[in-house]
C-alpha atoms as a PDB file:
ATOM      1  CA  UNK A   1      45.214 -44.565   9.001  1.00  0.00           C
ATOM      2  CA  UNK A   2      46.623 -45.741   5.659  1.00  0.00           C
ATOM      3  CA  UNK A   3      48.553 -43.041   3.823  1.00  0.00           C
ATOM      4  CA  UNK A   4      46.915 -43.642   0.447  1.00  0.00           C
ATOM      5  CA  UNK A   5      43.344 -42.569   1.282  1.00  0.00           C
ATOM      6  CA  UNK A   6      42.211 -40.124  -1.382  1.00  0.00           C
ATOM      7  CA  UNK A   7      40.614 -36.887  -0.073  1.00  0.00           C
ATOM      8  CA  UNK A   8      37.599 -37.652  -2.278  1.00  0.00           C
ATOM      9  CA  UNK A   9      36.804 -40.656  -0.090  1.00  0.00           C
ATOM     10  CA  UNK A  10      36.981 -38.583   3.073  1.00  0.00           C
ATOM     11  CA  UNK A  11      34.900 -35.802   1.520  1.00  0.00           C
ATOM     12  CA  UNK A  12      32.225 -38.303   0.551  1.00  0.00           C
ATOM     13  CA  UNK A  13      32.251 -39.775   4.061  1.00  0.00           C
ATOM     14  CA  UNK A  14      31.953 -36.340   5.724  1.00  0.00           C
ATOM     15  CA  UNK A  15      29.078 -35.256   3.455  1.00  0.00           C
ATOM     16  CA  UNK A  16      27.203 -38.502   4.140  1.00  0.00           C
ATOM     17  CA  UNK A  17      27.860 -38.231   7.875  1.00  0.00           C
ATOM     18  CA  UNK A  18      26.521 -34.665   7.932  1.00  0.00           C
ATOM     19  CA  UNK A  19      23.477 -35.360   5.776  1.00  0.00           C
ATOM     20  CA  UNK A  20      22.787 -38.938   7.024  1.00  0.00           C
ATOM     21  CA  UNK A  21      21.288 -39.511   3.592  1.00  0.00           C
ATOM     22  CA  UNK A  22      23.203 -40.787   0.573  1.00  0.00           C
ATOM     23  CA  UNK A  23      20.959 -39.021  -1.920  1.00  0.00           C
ATOM     24  CA  UNK A  24      21.315 -35.589  -0.308  1.00  0.00           C
ATOM     25  CA  UNK A  25      25.048 -36.081   0.184  1.00  0.00           C
ATOM     26  CA  UNK A  26      25.484 -37.023  -3.474  1.00  0.00           C
ATOM     27  CA  UNK A  27      23.478 -33.994  -4.561  1.00  0.00           C
ATOM     28  CA  UNK A  28      25.589 -31.758  -2.318  1.00  0.00           C
ATOM     29  CA  UNK A  29      28.796 -33.113  -3.848  1.00  0.00           C
ATOM     30  CA  UNK A  30      27.322 -33.157  -7.358  1.00  0.00           C
ATOM     31  CA  UNK A  31      28.150 -36.819  -7.894  1.00  0.00           C
ATOM     32  CA  UNK A  32      26.016 -39.837  -8.676  1.00  0.00           C
ATOM     33  CA  UNK A  33      24.627 -41.586  -5.610  1.00  0.00           C
ATOM     34  CA  UNK A  34      26.046 -44.882  -6.863  1.00  0.00           C
ATOM     35  CA  UNK A  35      29.539 -43.343  -7.062  1.00  0.00           C
ATOM     36  CA  UNK A  36      29.247 -41.920  -3.548  1.00  0.00           C
ATOM     37  CA  UNK A  37      28.111 -45.281  -2.146  1.00  0.00           C
ATOM     38  CA  UNK A  38      31.051 -46.939  -3.879  1.00  0.00           C
ATOM     39  CA  UNK A  39      33.486 -44.423  -2.358  1.00  0.00           C
ATOM     40  CA  UNK A  40      32.096 -44.979   1.135  1.00  0.00           C
ATOM     41  CA  UNK A  41      32.382 -48.758   0.749  1.00  0.00           C
ATOM     42  CA  UNK A  42      35.965 -48.311  -0.492  1.00  0.00           C
ATOM     43  CA  UNK A  43      36.823 -46.222   2.574  1.00  0.00           C
ATOM     44  CA  UNK A  44      35.251 -48.821   4.858  1.00  0.00           C
ATOM     45  CA  UNK A  45      37.252 -51.556   3.164  1.00  0.00           C
ATOM     46  CA  UNK A  46      40.536 -49.630   3.434  1.00  0.00           C
ATOM     47  CA  UNK A  47      39.948 -48.876   7.122  1.00  0.00           C
ATOM     48  CA  UNK A  48      38.532 -52.299   7.913  1.00  0.00           C
ATOM     49  CA  UNK A  49      35.606 -50.698   9.742  1.00  0.00           C
ATOM     50  CA  UNK A  50      31.888 -50.187   9.134  1.00  0.00           C
ATOM     51  CA  UNK A  51      31.217 -46.460   9.209  1.00  0.00           C
ATOM     52  CA  UNK A  52      27.448 -46.389   8.657  1.00  0.00           C
ATOM     53  CA  UNK A  53      24.490 -48.453   9.717  1.00  0.00           C
ATOM     54  CA  UNK A  54      22.229 -48.601   6.678  1.00  0.00           C
ATOM     55  CA  UNK A  55      18.563 -49.558   6.455  1.00  0.00           C
ATOM     56  CA  UNK A  56      15.764 -48.854   4.020  1.00  0.00           C
ATOM     57  CA  UNK A  57      14.570 -46.044   6.317  1.00  0.00           C
ATOM     58  CA  UNK A  58      17.681 -44.369   7.688  1.00  0.00           C
ATOM     59  CA  UNK A  59      21.449 -43.997   7.707  1.00  0.00           C
ATOM     60  CA  UNK A  60      23.309 -43.642  11.011  1.00  0.00           C
ATOM     61  CA  UNK A  61      26.950 -43.369  12.019  1.00  0.00           C
ATOM     62  CA  UNK A  62      28.502 -46.324  13.781  1.00  0.00           C
ATOM     63  CA  UNK A  63      30.839 -45.680  16.747  1.00  0.00           C
ATOM     64  CA  UNK A  64      33.775 -46.033  14.306  1.00  0.00           C
ATOM     65  CA  UNK A  65      32.162 -43.484  11.992  1.00  0.00           C
ATOM     66  CA  UNK A  66      31.608 -41.052  14.870  1.00  0.00           C
ATOM     67  CA  UNK A  67      35.283 -41.356  15.856  1.00  0.00           C
ATOM     68  CA  UNK A  68      36.437 -40.809  12.275  1.00  0.00           C
ATOM     69  CA  UNK A  69      34.286 -37.741  11.542  1.00  0.00           C
ATOM     70  CA  UNK A  70      36.254 -35.063  13.469  1.00  0.00           C
ATOM     71  CA  UNK A  71      39.577 -36.479  12.233  1.00  0.00           C
ATOM     72  CA  UNK A  72      38.336 -36.549   8.636  1.00  0.00           C
ATOM     73  CA  UNK A  73      37.260 -32.918   8.929  1.00  0.00           C
ATOM     74  CA  UNK A  74      40.713 -31.947  10.231  1.00  0.00           C
ATOM     75  CA  UNK A  75      42.450 -33.824   7.421  1.00  0.00           C
ATOM     76  CA  UNK A  76      40.272 -32.153   4.790  1.00  0.00           C
ATOM     77  CA  UNK A  77      40.925 -28.754   6.366  1.00  0.00           C
ATOM     78  CA  UNK A  78      44.672 -29.372   6.138  1.00  0.00           C
ATOM     79  CA  UNK A  79      44.285 -30.533   2.548  1.00  0.00           C
ATOM     80  CA  UNK A  80      42.336 -27.402   1.641  1.00  0.00           C
ATOM     81  CA  UNK A  81      44.875 -25.197   3.420  1.00  0.00           C
ATOM     82  CA  UNK A  82      47.614 -26.691   1.250  1.00  0.00           C
ATOM     83  CA  UNK A  83      45.603 -25.973  -1.881  1.00  0.00           C
ATOM     84  CA  UNK A  84      44.906 -22.439  -0.704  1.00  0.00           C
ATOM     85  CA  UNK A  85      48.507 -21.710   0.243  1.00  0.00           C
ATOM     86  CA  UNK A  86      49.432 -18.211  -0.857  1.00  0.00           C
ATOM     87  CA  UNK A  87      47.322 -16.751  -3.670  1.00  0.00           C
ATOM     88  CA  UNK A  88      47.663 -19.646  -6.106  1.00  0.00           C
ATOM     89  CA  UNK A  89      44.071 -20.848  -5.772  1.00  0.00           C
ATOM     90  CA  UNK A  90      41.267 -18.503  -6.849  1.00  0.00           C
ATOM     91  CA  UNK A  91      38.729 -17.470  -4.227  1.00  0.00           C
ATOM     92  CA  UNK A  92      35.215 -18.236  -5.499  1.00  0.00           C
ATOM     93  CA  UNK A  93      32.805 -15.517  -4.342  1.00  0.00           C
ATOM     94  CA  UNK A  94      29.053 -15.829  -4.816  1.00  0.00           C
ATOM     95  CA  UNK A  95      27.358 -12.462  -5.342  1.00  0.00           C
ATOM     96  CA  UNK A  96      24.003 -13.875  -4.192  1.00  0.00           C
ATOM     97  CA  UNK A  97      21.937 -12.382  -6.966  1.00  0.00           C
ATOM     98  CA  UNK A  98      20.656 -13.302 -10.389  1.00  0.00           C
ATOM     99  CA  UNK A  99      20.688  -9.561 -11.096  1.00  0.00           C
ATOM    100  CA  UNK A 100      23.690  -7.526  -9.953  1.00  0.00           C
ATOM    101  CA  UNK A 101      24.617  -3.868  -9.729  1.00  0.00           C
ATOM    102  CA  UNK A 102      27.754  -1.914  -8.817  1.00  0.00           C
ATOM    103  CA  UNK A 103      26.074  -0.483  -5.683  1.00  0.00           C
ATOM    104  CA  UNK A 104      24.985  -3.843  -4.233  1.00  0.00           C
ATOM    105  CA  UNK A 105      26.875  -4.877  -1.097  1.00  0.00           C
ATOM    106  CA  UNK A 106      28.567  -8.063  -2.459  1.00  0.00           C
ATOM    107  CA  UNK A 107      29.585  -6.315  -5.693  1.00  0.00           C
ATOM    108  CA  UNK A 108      31.117  -3.388  -3.799  1.00  0.00           C
ATOM    109  CA  UNK A 109      33.025  -5.676  -1.440  1.00  0.00           C
ATOM    110  CA  UNK A 110      34.376  -7.795  -4.276  1.00  0.00           C
ATOM    111  CA  UNK A 111      35.596  -4.709  -6.136  1.00  0.00           C
ATOM    112  CA  UNK A 112      37.182  -3.279  -2.961  1.00  0.00           C
ATOM    113  CA  UNK A 113      38.916  -6.573  -2.144  1.00  0.00           C
ATOM    114  CA  UNK A 114      40.280  -6.865  -5.675  1.00  0.00           C
ATOM    115  CA  UNK A 115      41.731  -3.361  -5.344  1.00  0.00           C
ATOM    116  CA  UNK A 116      43.305  -4.223  -1.994  1.00  0.00           C
ATOM    117  CA  UNK A 117      44.812  -7.490  -3.242  1.00  0.00           C
ATOM    118  CA  UNK A 118      45.471  -7.239  -6.995  1.00  0.00           C
ATOM    119  CA  UNK A 119      47.827 -10.247  -6.962  1.00  0.00           C
ATOM    120  CA  UNK A 120      45.017 -12.614  -5.877  1.00  0.00           C
ATOM    121  CA  UNK A 121      42.311 -13.982  -8.146  1.00  0.00           C
ATOM    122  CA  UNK A 122      38.805 -13.421  -6.789  1.00  0.00           C
ATOM    123  CA  UNK A 123      36.215 -14.961  -9.111  1.00  0.00           C
ATOM    124  CA  UNK A 124      32.528 -14.010  -9.027  1.00  0.00           C
ATOM    125  CA  UNK A 125      29.816 -16.673  -9.112  1.00  0.00           C
ATOM    126  CA  UNK A 126      26.046 -16.259  -9.282  1.00  0.00           C
ATOM    127  CA  UNK A 127      24.037 -18.866  -7.384  1.00  0.00           C
ATOM    128  CA  UNK A 128      21.168 -16.425  -6.836  1.00  0.00           C
ATOM    129  CA  UNK A 129      20.562 -17.151  -3.152  1.00  0.00           C
ATOM    130  CA  UNK A 130      22.302 -18.031   0.098  1.00  0.00           C
ATOM    131  CA  UNK A 131      20.451 -21.330   0.501  1.00  0.00           C
ATOM    132  CA  UNK A 132      21.786 -22.574  -2.825  1.00  0.00           C
ATOM    133  CA  UNK A 133      25.211 -21.114  -2.176  1.00  0.00           C
ATOM    134  CA  UNK A 134      25.450 -22.739   1.279  1.00  0.00           C
ATOM    135  CA  UNK A 135      25.322 -26.227  -0.195  1.00  0.00           C
ATOM    136  CA  UNK A 136      28.035 -25.219  -2.670  1.00  0.00           C
ATOM    137  CA  UNK A 137      30.160 -23.838   0.183  1.00  0.00           C
ATOM    138  CA  UNK A 138      30.017 -27.138   2.040  1.00  0.00           C
ATOM    139  CA  UNK A 139      30.835 -29.042  -1.142  1.00  0.00           C
ATOM    140  CA  UNK A 140      33.876 -26.765  -1.712  1.00  0.00           C
ATOM    141  CA  UNK A 141      32.433 -25.453  -4.992  1.00  0.00           C
ATOM    142  CA  UNK A 142      32.304 -21.966  -3.457  1.00  0.00           C
ATOM    143  CA  UNK A 143      34.343 -20.155  -0.822  1.00  0.00           C
ATOM    144  CA  UNK A 144      32.306 -17.089   0.154  1.00  0.00           C
ATOM    145  CA  UNK A 145      28.636 -16.131  -0.086  1.00  0.00           C
ATOM    146  CA  UNK A 146      26.384 -13.358   1.247  1.00  0.00           C
ATOM    147  CA  UNK A 147      22.897 -13.217   2.722  1.00  0.00           C
ATOM    148  CA  UNK A 148      20.665 -13.584   5.768  1.00  0.00           C
ATOM    149  CA  UNK A 149      22.495 -16.235   7.769  1.00  0.00           C
ATOM    150  CA  UNK A 150      19.691 -16.745  10.300  1.00  0.00           C
ATOM    151  CA  UNK A 151      17.412 -17.756   7.429  1.00  0.00           C
ATOM    152  CA  UNK A 152      19.426 -20.918   6.763  1.00  0.00           C
ATOM    153  CA  UNK A 153      18.425 -24.211   8.335  1.00  0.00           C
ATOM    154  CA  UNK A 154      20.034 -25.129  11.661  1.00  0.00           C
ATOM    155  CA  UNK A 155      22.148 -27.968  10.149  1.00  0.00           C
ATOM    156  CA  UNK A 156      23.631 -25.555   7.591  1.00  0.00           C
ATOM    157  CA  UNK A 157      24.315 -22.869  10.201  1.00  0.00           C
ATOM    158  CA  UNK A 158      26.170 -25.373  12.381  1.00  0.00           C
ATOM    159  CA  UNK A 159      28.585 -26.169   9.534  1.00  0.00           C
ATOM    160  CA  UNK A 160      29.286 -22.594   8.423  1.00  0.00           C
ATOM    161  CA  UNK A 161      30.449 -19.368   9.991  1.00  0.00           C
ATOM    162  CA  UNK A 162      29.501 -15.778   9.220  1.00  0.00           C
ATOM    163  CA  UNK A 163      30.359 -12.144   9.847  1.00  0.00           C
ATOM    164  CA  UNK A 164      27.449  -9.625   9.924  1.00  0.00           C
ATOM    165  CA  UNK A 165      28.413  -6.808   7.580  1.00  0.00           C
ATOM    166  CA  UNK A 166      25.348  -4.720   6.742  1.00  0.00           C
ATOM    167  CA  UNK A 167      21.708  -3.923   7.476  1.00  0.00           C
ATOM    168  CA  UNK A 168      20.671  -3.317   3.879  1.00  0.00           C
ATOM    169  CA  UNK A 169      17.486  -1.358   3.108  1.00  0.00           C
ATOM    170  CA  UNK A 170      14.874  -3.241   1.102  1.00  0.00           C
ATOM    171  CA  UNK A 171      13.176  -2.039  -2.047  1.00  0.00           C
ATOM    172  CA  UNK A 172      10.727  -3.102  -4.752  1.00  0.00           C
ATOM    173  CA  UNK A 173      11.247  -3.930  -8.411  1.00  0.00           C
ATOM    174  CA  UNK A 174       8.159  -2.786 -10.299  1.00  0.00           C
ATOM    175  CA  UNK A 175       7.011  -2.973 -13.914  1.00  0.00           C
ATOM    176  CA  UNK A 176       6.831   0.544 -15.359  1.00  0.00           C
ATOM    177  CA  UNK A 177       3.042   0.353 -15.701  1.00  0.00           C
ATOM    178  CA  UNK A 178       2.483  -0.658 -12.068  1.00  0.00           C
ATOM    179  CA  UNK A 179       0.565   1.963 -10.003  1.00  0.00           C
ATOM    180  CA  UNK A 180       3.419   2.192  -7.472  1.00  0.00           C
ATOM    181  CA  UNK A 181       6.095   2.782 -10.140  1.00  0.00           C
ATOM    182  CA  UNK A 182       5.458   6.546 -10.089  1.00  0.00           C
ATOM    183  CA  UNK A 183       6.189   6.884  -6.379  1.00  0.00           C
ATOM    184  CA  UNK A 184       9.622   8.086  -5.246  1.00  0.00           C
ATOM    185  CA  UNK A 185       9.401   5.709  -2.261  1.00  0.00           C
ATOM    186  CA  UNK A 186       6.723   3.197  -1.340  1.00  0.00           C
ATOM    187  CA  UNK A 187       5.260   3.033   2.202  1.00  0.00           C
ATOM    188  CA  UNK A 188       5.021  -0.576   3.349  1.00  0.00           C
ATOM    189  CA  UNK A 189       1.310  -0.148   4.101  1.00  0.00           C
ATOM    190  CA  UNK A 190       0.625   0.520   0.396  1.00  0.00           C
ATOM    191  CA  UNK A 191       1.621  -3.072  -0.378  1.00  0.00           C
ATOM    192  CA  UNK A 192      -1.536  -4.383   1.308  1.00  0.00           C
ATOM    193  CA  UNK A 193      -3.391  -3.676  -1.929  1.00  0.00           C
ATOM    194  CA  UNK A 194      -1.052  -5.877  -3.968  1.00  0.00           C
ATOM    195  CA  UNK A 195       0.697  -9.249  -3.821  1.00  0.00           C
ATOM    196  CA  UNK A 196       4.377  -9.171  -2.876  1.00  0.00           C
ATOM    197  CA  UNK A 197       6.701 -11.486  -4.811  1.00  0.00           C
ATOM    198  CA  UNK A 198       9.217 -12.987  -2.340  1.00  0.00           C
ATOM    199  CA  UNK A 199      10.724 -15.576  -4.729  1.00  0.00           C
ATOM    200  CA  UNK A 200       8.547 -18.362  -3.348  1.00  0.00           C
ATOM    201  CA  UNK A 201       9.233 -21.523  -5.316  1.00  0.00           C
ATOM    202  CA  UNK A 202      12.963 -20.859  -5.731  1.00  0.00           C
ATOM    203  CA  UNK A 203      14.826 -23.458  -3.654  1.00  0.00           C
ATOM    204  CA  UNK A 204      18.075 -21.490  -3.933  1.00  0.00           C
ATOM    205  CA  UNK A 205      16.561 -18.472  -2.145  1.00  0.00           C
ATOM    206  CA  UNK A 206      14.537 -19.991   0.695  1.00  0.00           C
ATOM    207  CA  UNK A 207      16.187 -17.653   3.220  1.00  0.00           C
ATOM    208  CA  UNK A 208      15.063 -14.639   1.146  1.00  0.00           C
ATOM    209  CA  UNK A 209      11.538 -16.047   0.863  1.00  0.00           C
ATOM    210  CA  UNK A 210      11.422 -16.479   4.636  1.00  0.00           C
ATOM    211  CA  UNK A 211      12.658 -12.918   5.173  1.00  0.00           C
ATOM    212  CA  UNK A 212      10.048 -11.507   2.767  1.00  0.00           C
ATOM    213  CA  UNK A 213       7.304 -13.672   4.250  1.00  0.00           C
ATOM    214  CA  UNK A 214       8.081 -12.365   7.747  1.00  0.00           C
ATOM    215  CA  UNK A 215       7.858  -8.806   6.447  1.00  0.00           C
ATOM    216  CA  UNK A 216       4.546  -9.568   4.747  1.00  0.00           C
ATOM    217  CA  UNK A 217       3.072 -11.191   7.873  1.00  0.00           C
ATOM    218  CA  UNK A 218       4.193  -8.287  10.062  1.00  0.00           C
ATOM    219  CA  UNK A 219       2.305  -5.740   7.933  1.00  0.00           C
ATOM    220  CA  UNK A 220      -0.590  -7.782   6.543  1.00  0.00           C
ATOM    221  CA  UNK A 221       0.723  -7.890   2.963  1.00  0.00           C
ATOM    222  CA  UNK A 222      -0.474 -10.698   0.625  1.00  0.00           C
ATOM    223  CA  UNK A 223       2.272 -12.894  -0.843  1.00  0.00           C
ATOM    224  CA  UNK A 224       2.398 -14.036  -4.480  1.00  0.00           C
ATOM    225  CA  UNK A 225       2.190 -17.815  -5.084  1.00  0.00           C
ATOM    226  CA  UNK A 226       5.280 -19.985  -5.751  1.00  0.00           C
ATOM    227  CA  UNK A 227       6.597 -19.706  -9.299  1.00  0.00           C
ATOM    228  CA  UNK A 228       9.461 -21.041 -11.385  1.00  0.00           C
ATOM    229  CA  UNK A 229      12.504 -18.795 -10.839  1.00  0.00           C
ATOM    230  CA  UNK A 230      14.008 -16.549 -13.506  1.00  0.00           C
ATOM    231  CA  UNK A 231      17.784 -16.122 -13.777  1.00  0.00           C
ATOM    232  CA  UNK A 232      19.543 -13.141 -15.352  1.00  0.00           C
ATOM    233  CA  UNK A 233      18.393  -9.550 -15.976  1.00  0.00           C
ATOM    234  CA  UNK A 234      16.560 -10.245 -19.238  1.00  0.00           C
ATOM    235  CA  UNK A 235      14.687 -13.289 -17.943  1.00  0.00           C
ATOM    236  CA  UNK A 236      13.871 -11.591 -14.653  1.00  0.00           C
ATOM    237  CA  UNK A 237      12.553  -8.572 -16.554  1.00  0.00           C
ATOM    238  CA  UNK A 238      10.257 -10.846 -18.586  1.00  0.00           C
ATOM    239  CA  UNK A 239       9.200 -12.575 -15.380  1.00  0.00           C
ATOM    240  CA  UNK A 240       8.182  -9.263 -13.767  1.00  0.00           C
ATOM    241  CA  UNK A 241       6.306  -8.068 -16.833  1.00  0.00           C
ATOM    242  CA  UNK A 242       4.487 -11.401 -17.163  1.00  0.00           C
ATOM    243  CA  UNK A 243       3.308 -11.622 -13.555  1.00  0.00           C
ATOM    244  CA  UNK A 244       3.090  -7.918 -12.687  1.00  0.00           C
ATOM    245  CA  UNK A 245       3.609  -8.270  -8.916  1.00  0.00           C
ATOM    246  CA  UNK A 246       6.074  -6.040  -7.020  1.00  0.00           C
ATOM    247  CA  UNK A 247       9.191  -8.087  -6.266  1.00  0.00           C
ATOM    248  CA  UNK A 248      11.166  -7.632  -3.063  1.00  0.00           C
ATOM    249  CA  UNK A 249      14.831  -6.669  -3.481  1.00  0.00           C
ATOM    250  CA  UNK A 250      17.428  -4.405  -1.861  1.00  0.00           C
ATOM    251  CA  UNK A 251      18.534  -0.915  -2.791  1.00  0.00           C
ATOM    252  CA  UNK A 252      21.500  -0.484  -5.082  1.00  0.00           C
ATOM    253  CA  UNK A 253      20.398  -2.754  -7.906  1.00  0.00           C
ATOM    254  CA  UNK A 254      20.512  -1.527 -11.494  1.00  0.00           C
ATOM    255  CA  UNK A 255      17.125  -0.959 -13.125  1.00  0.00           C
ATOM    256  CA  UNK A 256      16.077  -3.750 -15.457  1.00  0.00           C
ATOM    257  CA  UNK A 257      14.636  -2.589 -18.821  1.00  0.00           C
ATOM    258  CA  UNK A 258      10.887  -2.138 -18.443  1.00  0.00           C
ATOM    259  CA  UNK A 259      11.074  -1.825 -14.650  1.00  0.00           C
ATOM    260  CA  UNK A 260      11.994   0.611 -11.884  1.00  0.00           C
ATOM    261  CA  UNK A 261      13.359   0.073  -8.369  1.00  0.00           C
ATOM    262  CA  UNK A 262      11.771   2.003  -5.498  1.00  0.00           C
ATOM    263  CA  UNK A 263      12.838   2.023  -1.816  1.00  0.00           C
ATOM    264  CA  UNK A 264      10.426   0.894   0.898  1.00  0.00           C
ATOM    265  CA  UNK A 265       9.716   3.289   3.774  1.00  0.00           C
ATOM    266  CA  UNK A 266       7.526   3.799   6.857  1.00  0.00           C
ATOM    267  CA  UNK A 267       9.255   1.772   8.216  1.00  0.00           C
ATOM    268  CA  UNK A 268      12.407   0.953   6.237  1.00  0.00           C
ATOM    269  CA  UNK A 269      12.651  -2.879   6.137  1.00  0.00           C
ATOM    270  CA  UNK A 270      16.228  -4.048   6.620  1.00  0.00           C
ATOM    271  CA  UNK A 271      17.875  -7.175   5.242  1.00  0.00           C
ATOM    272  CA  UNK A 272      20.665  -8.433   7.559  1.00  0.00           C
ATOM    273  CA  UNK A 273      23.587  -9.324   5.272  1.00  0.00           C
ATOM    274  CA  UNK A 274      26.418 -11.580   6.461  1.00  0.00           C
ATOM    275  CA  UNK A 275      29.596 -12.765   4.782  1.00  0.00           C
ATOM    276  CA  UNK A 276      29.386 -16.564   5.011  1.00  0.00           C
ATOM    277  CA  UNK A 277      32.161 -19.142   4.605  1.00  0.00           C
ATOM    278  CA  UNK A 278      33.450 -22.477   5.877  1.00  0.00           C
ATOM    279  CA  UNK A 279      35.079 -22.237   9.316  1.00  0.00           C
ATOM    280  CA  UNK A 280      38.302 -23.789   8.014  1.00  0.00           C
ATOM    281  CA  UNK A 281      38.736 -21.420   5.054  1.00  0.00           C
ATOM    282  CA  UNK A 282      42.118 -19.683   4.913  1.00  0.00           C
ATOM    283  CA  UNK A 283      42.796 -17.386   1.967  1.00  0.00           C
ATOM    284  CA  UNK A 284      44.203 -13.854   1.622  1.00  0.00           C
ATOM    285  CA  UNK A 285      41.173 -12.993  -0.507  1.00  0.00           C
ATOM    286  CA  UNK A 286      38.884 -13.732   2.439  1.00  0.00           C
ATOM    287  CA  UNK A 287      40.986 -11.434   4.614  1.00  0.00           C
ATOM    288  CA  UNK A 288      40.710  -8.701   1.969  1.00  0.00           C
ATOM    289  CA  UNK A 289      36.918  -9.077   1.834  1.00  0.00           C
ATOM    290  CA  UNK A 290      36.615  -8.851   5.622  1.00  0.00           C
ATOM    291  CA  UNK A 291      38.881  -5.813   5.740  1.00  0.00           C
ATOM    292  CA  UNK A 292      36.876  -4.123   2.980  1.00  0.00           C
ATOM    293  CA  UNK A 293      33.635  -4.868   4.870  1.00  0.00           C
ATOM    294  CA  UNK A 294      35.052  -3.358   8.059  1.00  0.00           C
ATOM    295  CA  UNK A 295      36.241  -0.209   6.289  1.00  0.00           C
ATOM    296  CA  UNK A 296      33.112   0.391   4.207  1.00  0.00           C
ATOM    297  CA  UNK A 297      30.872  -0.510   7.126  1.00  0.00           C
ATOM    298  CA  UNK A 298      32.607   1.944   9.428  1.00  0.00           C
ATOM    299  CA  UNK A 299      32.661   4.744   6.852  1.00  0.00           C
ATOM    300  CA  UNK A 300      29.020   4.334   5.803  1.00  0.00           C
ATOM    301  CA  UNK A 301      27.387   3.030   8.990  1.00  0.00           C
ATOM    302  CA  UNK A 302      26.412  -0.312   7.487  1.00  0.00           C
ATOM    303  CA  UNK A 303      25.503  -1.873  10.834  1.00  0.00           C
ATOM    304  CA  UNK A 304      23.760   1.178  12.288  1.00  0.00           C
ATOM    305  CA  UNK A 305      20.000   0.693  12.478  1.00  0.00           C
ATOM    306  CA  UNK A 306      17.862   3.677  11.383  1.00  0.00           C
ATOM    307  CA  UNK A 307      15.271   4.886  13.876  1.00  0.00           C
ATOM    308  CA  UNK A 308      12.249   4.093  11.680  1.00  0.00           C
ATOM    309  CA  UNK A 309      13.145   0.600  10.521  1.00  0.00           C
ATOM    310  CA  UNK A 310      12.021  -3.042  10.679  1.00  0.00           C
ATOM    311  CA  UNK A 311      14.188  -6.111  11.282  1.00  0.00           C
ATOM    312  CA  UNK A 312      13.117  -9.771  11.227  1.00  0.00           C
END
């Protein structure tokens, strides 16, 4: 293989090979489709081989493309290892929420990892959902994300790895004037009289929508219709007040002005939270996060399932 192949060309090839669609691959890499097509043609010209069979209906790997794919992945992994050598490169950690709080699992792990490894730079990002963060992980715009790994599509799961870290109790965010806002805890059966907001319509949180929809189906709870997502505490607060439906969340979140958060009980619905990353990621910050998850999980029983609980 020629020594002057730029990693960008290989990254474009790998994304296209995994998506088998130039438009989706370009979106994943956040580049123009025309630029991605140009990079793939450049790589084909440098190698003297046709890597894709293209038609108006589909894109498929040629035998040469299939042979190149595992080698390209290894080369990119080596390239990324060089960039991540030591603590020079920041670790980009998605906190998986448009609204955060110091008691939420990702926030606690990030703070614990920073304390364990003060010489490394761990930077928080806010993609608002694992589905949106997964695409950023594969495009190397993120390093670590959190959420329900089983809720991702099979193609995404095959390209990522995860470590289960917590069974997190679910809760509701309620406008102050909602009839359930005065309860200390809300039995799941009480939700049958209302519509449950599971973030339907937000493409970045499809795994959360699926989790909430399974809960709703299991207990006969109506689901609110798809809506445009709101990002940030202030906007989410306005969103809740405008629509009025209880929104599914997890315990530990700070109250938003004009709302309250109440735990769900009878049974306690649990959200399986995993730490998700690329299989080839090597960074001391990742090690610190995993160590923090092991220590907090052991001390607080994060993976112990309560007797009266529900899991998807």
